[in-house]
Amino acid sequence: MVATHTSTQAAYFITQQSQAVPSCCWSRWRAVIESLYANGLTPLQLVESCGFSYAMVVRYALGLSSNGGAVSVFASDTFYGWVALAAARHLLHGGASVNIFTLPNCKHEGQGPMAHLLPPLVSDGASKITWEDPRKFGHVLATVEGSHNVLCGLSDANRSYLPWLESFVAFMNESAIPVHAVGTPLGLSPDGEALGVGFLYASSTLSLGLPLDVLNAHPEIIGRHYLCDLLWGLTHYHELGYRGDPLFAEQPVIRLSCCDG
């Protein structure tokens, strides 16, 4: 439910308060993230802000409460994956059962974000499963099919994940289980390049800070569209074309729609 504009026009989304929110390209989005790191914010601070909002979206899909819900989480060792893990912790503490599927390259040791995000989840009762072989999706099916919702933190333009994504997209599109995407649904690469694995039809998509330009090309696959606070200052938003009041003055997640209603 987003608008498509010509290449000479800016793409905008509309909040429920009728504020026009521009989209930005993947490279500019990453540049803002890097500038925040340079100014002293850590990846974990940014991830925690997004994870809280992501959990709010999933709670809504679970009937406004995570208590008694069953959630499967697919996470890569990337910003999107970290956000999914942070959200999973909020849901776990809210009474949901959580199963986490990680990809083989995920670093569980050392000082990286995964090393800080995974251990608390496991110690508090989440189950962690490493999806070792992309050809063997069957061993995760029983767990996924018992879930009420799936959190997907895999779509991050990393081509090394393609064999895993193809199996995941094919299965989830045949399933009735709602999938909640971070950034972009699978198959829709944030940098705009085709992944060649088909599109996963998400129930909802959570944009971080600002929505990405690529979401305008395929509005039919993103489902309900939300935007969350990524701790960007108003200056960053002004530099990227936003001209309204602070977006998150009332709550850390807002609903977006296309600019023509």
C-alpha atoms as a PDB file:
ATOM      1  CA  MET A   1       0.000   0.000   0.000  1.00  0.00           C
ATOM      2  CA  VAL A   2       2.586   2.527  -1.105  1.00  0.00           C
ATOM      3  CA  ALA A   3       2.737   4.920  -4.000  1.00  0.00           C
ATOM      4  CA  THR A   4       4.983   4.623  -7.032  1.00  0.00           C
ATOM      5  CA  HIS A   5       6.426   7.806  -8.504  1.00  0.00           C
ATOM      6  CA  THR A   6       8.538   8.478 -11.562  1.00  0.00           C
ATOM      7  CA  SER A   7      12.306   8.467 -11.244  1.00  0.00           C
ATOM      8  CA  THR A   8      12.366  12.284 -11.146  1.00  0.00           C
ATOM      9  CA  GLN A   9      10.032  12.494  -8.174  1.00  0.00           C
ATOM     10  CA  ALA A  10      10.542  11.697  -4.542  1.00  0.00           C
ATOM     11  CA  ALA A  11       8.575   8.763  -3.140  1.00  0.00           C
ATOM     12  CA  TYR A  12       6.455   9.517  -0.110  1.00  0.00           C
ATOM     13  CA  PHE A  13       4.413   7.598   2.415  1.00  0.00           C
ATOM     14  CA  ILE A  14       1.681   9.040   4.615  1.00  0.00           C
ATOM     15  CA  THR A  15       1.218   8.630   8.359  1.00  0.00           C
ATOM     16  CA  GLN A  16      -2.188   8.412  10.006  1.00  0.00           C
ATOM     17  CA  GLN A  17      -1.649  12.064  10.988  1.00  0.00           C
ATOM     18  CA  SER A  18      -1.264  12.940   7.269  1.00  0.00           C
ATOM     19  CA  GLN A  19       2.468  13.624   7.533  1.00  0.00           C
ATOM     20  CA  ALA A  20       4.409  12.975   4.333  1.00  0.00           C
ATOM     21  CA  VAL A  21       7.388  10.684   4.972  1.00  0.00           C
ATOM     22  CA  PRO A  22       9.989  10.307   2.187  1.00  0.00           C
ATOM     23  CA  SER A  23      11.740   7.055   1.409  1.00  0.00           C
ATOM     24  CA  CYS A  24      15.498   6.735   0.997  1.00  0.00           C
ATOM     25  CA  CYS A  25      17.882   4.439  -0.828  1.00  0.00           C
ATOM     26  CA  TRP A  26      19.774   1.612   0.884  1.00  0.00           C
ATOM     27  CA  SER A  27      23.151   3.371   0.628  1.00  0.00           C
ATOM     28  CA  ARG A  28      21.852   6.561   2.293  1.00  0.00           C
ATOM     29  CA  TRP A  29      20.118   4.527   4.998  1.00  0.00           C
ATOM     30  CA  ARG A  30      23.381   2.756   5.779  1.00  0.00           C
ATOM     31  CA  ALA A  31      25.278   6.058   5.745  1.00  0.00           C
ATOM     32  CA  VAL A  32      22.980   7.456   8.459  1.00  0.00           C
ATOM     33  CA  ILE A  33      23.546   4.315  10.544  1.00  0.00           C
ATOM     34  CA  GLU A  34      27.305   4.720  10.195  1.00  0.00           C
ATOM     35  CA  SER A  35      27.069   8.371  11.232  1.00  0.00           C
ATOM     36  CA  LEU A  36      25.205   7.365  14.392  1.00  0.00           C
ATOM     37  CA  TYR A  37      27.947   4.886  15.234  1.00  0.00           C
ATOM     38  CA  ALA A  38      30.538   7.622  14.684  1.00  0.00           C
ATOM     39  CA  ASN A  39      28.634   9.878  17.107  1.00  0.00           C
ATOM     40  CA  GLY A  40      28.741   7.307  19.900  1.00  0.00           C
ATOM     41  CA  LEU A  41      25.582   5.249  19.542  1.00  0.00           C
ATOM     42  CA  THR A  42      26.159   1.494  19.489  1.00  0.00           C
ATOM     43  CA  PRO A  43      24.521  -1.129  17.256  1.00  0.00           C
ATOM     44  CA  LEU A  44      22.855  -2.631  20.310  1.00  0.00           C
ATOM     45  CA  GLN A  45      21.245   0.705  21.243  1.00  0.00           C
ATOM     46  CA  LEU A  46      19.787   1.071  17.763  1.00  0.00           C
ATOM     47  CA  VAL A  47      18.709  -2.557  17.606  1.00  0.00           C
ATOM     48  CA  GLU A  48      16.976  -2.370  20.977  1.00  0.00           C
ATOM     49  CA  SER A  49      14.943   0.637  19.864  1.00  0.00           C
ATOM     50  CA  CYS A  50      13.793  -1.200  16.726  1.00  0.00           C
ATOM     51  CA  GLY A  51      13.257  -4.504  18.530  1.00  0.00           C
ATOM     52  CA  PHE A  52      10.847  -2.918  20.988  1.00  0.00           C
ATOM     53  CA  SER A  53       8.774  -1.543  18.107  1.00  0.00           C
ATOM     54  CA  TYR A  54       8.924  -4.821  16.195  1.00  0.00           C
ATOM     55  CA  ALA A  55       7.547  -6.634  19.242  1.00  0.00           C
ATOM     56  CA  MET A  56       4.661  -4.140  19.363  1.00  0.00           C
ATOM     57  CA  VAL A  57       3.754  -5.024  15.768  1.00  0.00           C
ATOM     58  CA  VAL A  58       3.862  -8.763  16.467  1.00  0.00           C
ATOM     59  CA  ARG A  59       1.820  -8.398  19.672  1.00  0.00           C
ATOM     60  CA  TYR A  60      -0.870  -6.719  17.594  1.00  0.00           C
ATOM     61  CA  ALA A  61      -0.874  -9.703  15.221  1.00  0.00           C
ATOM     62  CA  LEU A  62      -1.060 -12.089  18.201  1.00  0.00           C
ATOM     63  CA  GLY A  63      -4.242 -10.435  19.427  1.00  0.00           C
ATOM     64  CA  LEU A  64      -2.641  -7.609  21.457  1.00  0.00           C
ATOM     65  CA  SER A  65      -0.894  -9.993  23.881  1.00  0.00           C
ATOM     66  CA  SER A  66       2.166 -12.202  23.462  1.00  0.00           C
ATOM     67  CA  ASN A  67       1.174 -14.395  26.405  1.00  0.00           C
ATOM     68  CA  GLY A  68       0.598 -17.919  25.132  1.00  0.00           C
ATOM     69  CA  GLY A  69       1.775 -17.141  21.613  1.00  0.00           C
ATOM     70  CA  ALA A  70       4.241 -19.287  19.670  1.00  0.00           C
ATOM     71  CA  VAL A  71       6.817 -17.480  17.559  1.00  0.00           C
ATOM     72  CA  SER A  72       9.518 -18.691  15.179  1.00  0.00           C
ATOM     73  CA  VAL A  73      12.374 -16.290  14.487  1.00  0.00           C
ATOM     74  CA  PHE A  74      14.756 -16.476  11.512  1.00  0.00           C
ATOM     75  CA  ALA A  75      17.843 -14.345  12.071  1.00  0.00           C
ATOM     76  CA  SER A  76      21.049 -13.698  10.190  1.00  0.00           C
ATOM     77  CA  ASP A  77      24.093 -12.033  11.720  1.00  0.00           C
ATOM     78  CA  THR A  78      23.091  -8.614  10.341  1.00  0.00           C
ATOM     79  CA  PHE A  79      21.224  -5.556  11.561  1.00  0.00           C
ATOM     80  CA  TYR A  80      17.888  -7.035  10.468  1.00  0.00           C
ATOM     81  CA  GLY A  81      18.630 -10.278  12.264  1.00  0.00           C
ATOM     82  CA  TRP A  82      19.654  -8.460  15.433  1.00  0.00           C
ATOM     83  CA  VAL A  83      16.362  -6.535  15.420  1.00  0.00           C
ATOM     84  CA  ALA A  84      14.448  -9.815  15.144  1.00  0.00           C
ATOM     85  CA  LEU A  85      16.324 -11.236  18.136  1.00  0.00           C
ATOM     86  CA  ALA A  86      15.727  -8.123  20.237  1.00  0.00           C
ATOM     87  CA  ALA A  87      12.002  -8.345  19.472  1.00  0.00           C
ATOM     88  CA  ALA A  88      12.007 -12.046  20.328  1.00  0.00           C
ATOM     89  CA  ARG A  89      13.281 -11.279  23.825  1.00  0.00           C
ATOM     90  CA  HIS A  90      10.402  -8.860  24.450  1.00  0.00           C
ATOM     91  CA  LEU A  91       7.899 -11.473  23.250  1.00  0.00           C
ATOM     92  CA  LEU A  92       9.534 -14.214  25.323  1.00  0.00           C
ATOM     93  CA  HIS A  93       9.327 -12.113  28.480  1.00  0.00           C
ATOM     94  CA  GLY A  94       5.696 -11.406  27.602  1.00  0.00           C
ATOM     95  CA  GLY A  95       4.800 -15.089  27.764  1.00  0.00           C
ATOM     96  CA  ALA A  96       5.402 -16.310  24.208  1.00  0.00           C
ATOM     97  CA  SER A  97       7.298 -19.478  23.370  1.00  0.00           C
ATOM     98  CA  VAL A  98      10.164 -18.640  21.029  1.00  0.00           C
ATOM     99  CA  ASN A  99      12.147 -20.785  18.599  1.00  0.00           C
ATOM    100  CA  ILE A 100      15.157 -19.166  16.958  1.00  0.00           C
ATOM    101  CA  PHE A 101      16.608 -20.369  13.666  1.00  0.00           C
ATOM    102  CA  THR A 102      20.046 -18.991  12.896  1.00  0.00           C
ATOM    103  CA  LEU A 103      22.200 -19.429   9.791  1.00  0.00           C
ATOM    104  CA  PRO A 104      25.625 -21.073  10.001  1.00  0.00           C
ATOM    105  CA  ASN A 105      27.634 -17.833   9.835  1.00  0.00           C
ATOM    106  CA  CYS A 106      26.020 -16.373  12.964  1.00  0.00           C
ATOM    107  CA  LYS A 107      28.692 -15.492  15.506  1.00  0.00           C
ATOM    108  CA  HIS A 108      27.628 -16.626  18.962  1.00  0.00           C
ATOM    109  CA  GLU A 109      30.946 -15.801  20.609  1.00  0.00           C
ATOM    110  CA  GLY A 110      33.126 -12.726  20.953  1.00  0.00           C
ATOM    111  CA  GLN A 111      31.854  -9.164  21.314  1.00  0.00           C
ATOM    112  CA  GLY A 112      29.514  -8.800  18.335  1.00  0.00           C
ATOM    113  CA  PRO A 113      25.782  -8.099  18.739  1.00  0.00           C
ATOM    114  CA  MET A 114      24.833 -11.756  18.281  1.00  0.00           C
ATOM    115  CA  ALA A 115      26.996 -12.650  21.250  1.00  0.00           C
ATOM    116  CA  HIS A 116      24.947 -10.249  23.389  1.00  0.00           C
ATOM    117  CA  LEU A 117      21.519 -11.017  21.962  1.00  0.00           C
ATOM    118  CA  LEU A 118      21.407 -14.816  21.767  1.00  0.00           C
ATOM    119  CA  PRO A 119      22.603 -15.972  25.223  1.00  0.00           C
ATOM    120  CA  PRO A 120      19.904 -14.107  27.222  1.00  0.00           C
ATOM    121  CA  LEU A 121      17.227 -15.564  24.961  1.00  0.00           C
ATOM    122  CA  VAL A 122      18.472 -19.111  25.399  1.00  0.00           C
ATOM    123  CA  SER A 123      18.987 -18.759  29.150  1.00  0.00           C
ATOM    124  CA  ASP A 124      15.426 -17.441  29.508  1.00  0.00           C
ATOM    125  CA  GLY A 125      13.929 -20.399  27.682  1.00  0.00           C
ATOM    126  CA  ALA A 126      14.077 -19.787  23.936  1.00  0.00           C
ATOM    127  CA  SER A 127      15.114 -22.725  21.747  1.00  0.00           C
ATOM    128  CA  LYS A 128      17.983 -22.105  19.314  1.00  0.00           C
ATOM    129  CA  ILE A 129      18.326 -24.167  16.149  1.00  0.00           C
ATOM    130  CA  THR A 130      21.040 -23.665  13.548  1.00  0.00           C
ATOM    131  CA  TRP A 131      19.814 -24.240  10.009  1.00  0.00           C
ATOM    132  CA  GLU A 132      22.993 -25.863   8.737  1.00  0.00           C
ATOM    133  CA  ASP A 133      21.985 -27.105   5.285  1.00  0.00           C
ATOM    134  CA  PRO A 134      19.793 -25.022   2.933  1.00  0.00           C
ATOM    135  CA  ARG A 135      18.592 -28.235   1.244  1.00  0.00           C
ATOM    136  CA  LYS A 136      17.165 -29.557   4.506  1.00  0.00           C
ATOM    137  CA  PHE A 137      14.212 -27.368   5.314  1.00  0.00           C
ATOM    138  CA  GLY A 138      12.149 -30.350   6.436  1.00  0.00           C
ATOM    139  CA  HIS A 139      13.740 -30.538   9.867  1.00  0.00           C
ATOM    140  CA  VAL A 140      12.368 -27.094  10.768  1.00  0.00           C
ATOM    141  CA  LEU A 141       8.871 -27.587   9.368  1.00  0.00           C
ATOM    142  CA  ALA A 142       7.244 -29.074  12.457  1.00  0.00           C
ATOM    143  CA  THR A 143       8.436 -26.166  14.580  1.00  0.00           C
ATOM    144  CA  VAL A 144       7.422 -23.487  12.090  1.00  0.00           C
ATOM    145  CA  GLU A 145       4.029 -25.067  11.451  1.00  0.00           C
ATOM    146  CA  GLY A 146       3.311 -24.912  15.181  1.00  0.00           C
ATOM    147  CA  SER A 147       3.943 -21.167  15.268  1.00  0.00           C
ATOM    148  CA  HIS A 148       1.355 -18.424  15.354  1.00  0.00           C
ATOM    149  CA  ASN A 149       3.718 -15.909  13.734  1.00  0.00           C
ATOM    150  CA  VAL A 150       7.129 -15.862  12.065  1.00  0.00           C
ATOM    151  CA  LEU A 151       9.668 -13.048  12.497  1.00  0.00           C
ATOM    152  CA  CYS A 152      11.984 -12.744   9.515  1.00  0.00           C
ATOM    153  CA  GLY A 153      15.304 -10.956   9.933  1.00  0.00           C
ATOM    154  CA  LEU A 154      17.010 -12.316   6.804  1.00  0.00           C
ATOM    155  CA  SER A 155      16.487  -9.811   3.979  1.00  0.00           C
ATOM    156  CA  ASP A 156      19.660  -7.751   3.977  1.00  0.00           C
ATOM    157  CA  ALA A 157      21.155  -7.981   0.455  1.00  0.00           C
ATOM    158  CA  ASN A 158      23.632 -10.667   1.537  1.00  0.00           C
ATOM    159  CA  ARG A 159      23.787 -13.022  -1.438  1.00  0.00           C
ATOM    160  CA  SER A 160      25.465 -15.780   0.586  1.00  0.00           C
ATOM    161  CA  TYR A 161      22.040 -16.552   2.086  1.00  0.00           C
ATOM    162  CA  LEU A 162      20.312 -17.220  -1.244  1.00  0.00           C
ATOM    163  CA  PRO A 163      20.114 -21.035  -0.929  1.00  0.00           C
ATOM    164  CA  TRP A 164      18.386 -20.665   2.437  1.00  0.00           C
ATOM    165  CA  LEU A 165      16.045 -17.904   1.280  1.00  0.00           C
ATOM    166  CA  GLU A 166      14.719 -19.900  -1.669  1.00  0.00           C
ATOM    167  CA  SER A 167      13.462 -22.717   0.566  1.00  0.00           C
ATOM    168  CA  PHE A 168      12.040 -20.293   3.107  1.00  0.00           C
ATOM    169  CA  VAL A 169      10.146 -18.179   0.562  1.00  0.00           C
ATOM    170  CA  ALA A 170       8.640 -21.198  -1.178  1.00  0.00           C
ATOM    171  CA  PHE A 171       7.385 -22.714   2.067  1.00  0.00           C
ATOM    172  CA  MET A 172       6.059 -19.568   3.724  1.00  0.00           C
ATOM    173  CA  ASN A 173       4.101 -18.467   0.653  1.00  0.00           C
ATOM    174  CA  GLU A 174       2.188 -21.759   0.831  1.00  0.00           C
ATOM    175  CA  SER A 175       1.637 -21.408   4.558  1.00  0.00           C
ATOM    176  CA  ALA A 176      -1.129 -19.535   6.351  1.00  0.00           C
ATOM    177  CA  ILE A 177       1.276 -18.417   9.094  1.00  0.00           C
ATOM    178  CA  PRO A 178       1.724 -14.608   9.173  1.00  0.00           C
ATOM    179  CA  VAL A 179       5.274 -13.460   8.409  1.00  0.00           C
ATOM    180  CA  HIS A 180       6.551 -10.148   9.761  1.00  0.00           C
ATOM    181  CA  ALA A 181       9.484  -8.761   7.774  1.00  0.00           C
ATOM    182  CA  VAL A 182      12.176  -6.340   8.883  1.00  0.00           C
ATOM    183  CA  GLY A 183      13.160  -3.710   6.326  1.00  0.00           C
ATOM    184  CA  THR A 184      11.988  -5.542   3.218  1.00  0.00           C
ATOM    185  CA  PRO A 185      10.208  -8.848   2.612  1.00  0.00           C
ATOM    186  CA  LEU A 186      12.433 -11.632   1.308  1.00  0.00           C
ATOM    187  CA  GLY A 187      13.075 -11.515  -2.413  1.00  0.00           C
ATOM    188  CA  LEU A 188      12.924  -7.732  -2.394  1.00  0.00           C
ATOM    189  CA  SER A 189      16.525  -6.798  -1.769  1.00  0.00           C
ATOM    190  CA  PRO A 190      16.992  -3.501   0.097  1.00  0.00           C
ATOM    191  CA  ASP A 191      19.520  -2.338  -2.507  1.00  0.00           C
ATOM    192  CA  GLY A 192      17.018  -2.864  -5.320  1.00  0.00           C
ATOM    193  CA  GLU A 193      18.806  -5.759  -7.024  1.00  0.00           C
ATOM    194  CA  ALA A 194      16.769  -8.858  -7.791  1.00  0.00           C
ATOM    195  CA  LEU A 195      17.590 -11.809  -5.544  1.00  0.00           C
ATOM    196  CA  GLY A 196      16.024 -14.352  -7.866  1.00  0.00           C
ATOM    197  CA  VAL A 197      14.271 -16.360  -5.143  1.00  0.00           C
ATOM    198  CA  GLY A 198      10.735 -15.078  -5.686  1.00  0.00           C
ATOM    199  CA  PHE A 199       8.898 -12.700  -3.368  1.00  0.00           C
ATOM    200  CA  LEU A 200       7.696 -13.596   0.098  1.00  0.00           C
ATOM    201  CA  TYR A 201       4.268 -12.074   0.751  1.00  0.00           C
ATOM    202  CA  ALA A 202       4.585 -10.540   4.205  1.00  0.00           C
ATOM    203  CA  SER A 203       1.704  -9.842   6.578  1.00  0.00           C
ATOM    204  CA  SER A 204       3.568  -6.776   7.759  1.00  0.00           C
ATOM    205  CA  THR A 205       6.822  -4.974   7.071  1.00  0.00           C
ATOM    206  CA  LEU A 206       8.633  -2.840   9.622  1.00  0.00           C
ATOM    207  CA  SER A 207      10.683   0.003   8.135  1.00  0.00           C
ATOM    208  CA  LEU A 208      13.513   1.285  10.302  1.00  0.00           C
ATOM    209  CA  GLY A 209      14.017   5.034  10.591  1.00  0.00           C
ATOM    210  CA  LEU A 210      12.773   5.670   7.051  1.00  0.00           C
ATOM    211  CA  PRO A 211      11.210   3.315   4.501  1.00  0.00           C
ATOM    212  CA  LEU A 212      13.461   2.176   1.674  1.00  0.00           C
ATOM    213  CA  ASP A 213      12.860   3.273  -1.913  1.00  0.00           C
ATOM    214  CA  VAL A 214      12.543  -0.320  -3.081  1.00  0.00           C
ATOM    215  CA  LEU A 215       9.261  -0.754  -1.196  1.00  0.00           C
ATOM    216  CA  ASN A 216       7.572   1.433  -3.792  1.00  0.00           C
ATOM    217  CA  ALA A 217       8.156  -1.075  -6.566  1.00  0.00           C
ATOM    218  CA  HIS A 218       6.194  -3.966  -5.056  1.00  0.00           C
ATOM    219  CA  PRO A 219       3.482  -2.681  -2.688  1.00  0.00           C
ATOM    220  CA  GLU A 220       1.553  -5.924  -2.998  1.00  0.00           C
ATOM    221  CA  ILE A 221       4.076  -7.949  -0.984  1.00  0.00           C
ATOM    222  CA  ILE A 222       4.756  -5.774   2.062  1.00  0.00           C
ATOM    223  CA  GLY A 223       1.413  -6.147   3.892  1.00  0.00           C
ATOM    224  CA  ARG A 224       0.718  -3.659   6.668  1.00  0.00           C
ATOM    225  CA  HIS A 225       3.508  -1.115   6.671  1.00  0.00           C
ATOM    226  CA  TYR A 226       4.954   0.307   9.875  1.00  0.00           C
ATOM    227  CA  LEU A 227       7.793   2.713  10.616  1.00  0.00           C
ATOM    228  CA  CYS A 228       9.755   2.625  13.868  1.00  0.00           C
ATOM    229  CA  ASP A 229      12.071   4.950  15.745  1.00  0.00           C
ATOM    230  CA  LEU A 230      15.718   4.284  14.934  1.00  0.00           C
ATOM    231  CA  LEU A 231      17.065   7.066  17.167  1.00  0.00           C
ATOM    232  CA  TRP A 232      17.660   9.361  14.208  1.00  0.00           C
ATOM    233  CA  GLY A 233      17.657  13.049  15.081  1.00  0.00           C
ATOM    234  CA  LEU A 234      15.342  15.467  13.313  1.00  0.00           C
ATOM    235  CA  THR A 235      18.407  16.807  11.511  1.00  0.00           C
ATOM    236  CA  HIS A 236      18.885  13.445   9.811  1.00  0.00           C
ATOM    237  CA  TYR A 237      15.266  13.446   8.689  1.00  0.00           C
ATOM    238  CA  HIS A 238      15.574  16.983   7.317  1.00  0.00           C
ATOM    239  CA  GLU A 239      18.690  15.993   5.379  1.00  0.00           C
ATOM    240  CA  LEU A 240      16.716  13.132   3.821  1.00  0.00           C
ATOM    241  CA  GLY A 241      13.796  15.321   2.794  1.00  0.00           C
ATOM    242  CA  TYR A 242      11.360  15.121   5.709  1.00  0.00           C
ATOM    243  CA  ARG A 243       9.805  18.488   6.592  1.00  0.00           C
ATOM    244  CA  GLY A 244       7.300  17.735   9.355  1.00  0.00           C
ATOM    245  CA  ASP A 245       7.307  17.627  13.129  1.00  0.00           C
ATOM    246  CA  PRO A 246       9.182  14.849  14.983  1.00  0.00           C
ATOM    247  CA  LEU A 247       7.676  11.558  13.827  1.00  0.00           C
ATOM    248  CA  PHE A 248       7.796   9.733  17.133  1.00  0.00           C
ATOM    249  CA  ALA A 249       6.589  12.373  19.570  1.00  0.00           C
ATOM    250  CA  GLU A 250       3.721  10.136  20.727  1.00  0.00           C
ATOM    251  CA  GLN A 251       4.802   6.528  20.137  1.00  0.00           C
ATOM    252  CA  PRO A 252       7.820   4.646  18.742  1.00  0.00           C
ATOM    253  CA  VAL A 253       5.965   2.932  15.867  1.00  0.00           C
ATOM    254  CA  ILE A 254       3.537   4.431  13.341  1.00  0.00           C
ATOM    255  CA  ARG A 255       1.445   3.068  10.480  1.00  0.00           C
ATOM    256  CA  LEU A 256       2.223   4.156   6.923  1.00  0.00           C
ATOM    257  CA  SER A 257       0.105   4.086   3.783  1.00  0.00           C
ATOM    258  CA  CYS A 258       0.451   5.260   0.206  1.00  0.00           C
ATOM    259  CA  CYS A 259       0.300   8.984  -0.429  1.00  0.00           C
ATOM    260  CA  ASP A 260      -2.901   8.773  -2.490  1.00  0.00           C
ATOM    261  CA  GLY A 261      -4.783   7.050   0.340  1.00  0.00           C
END
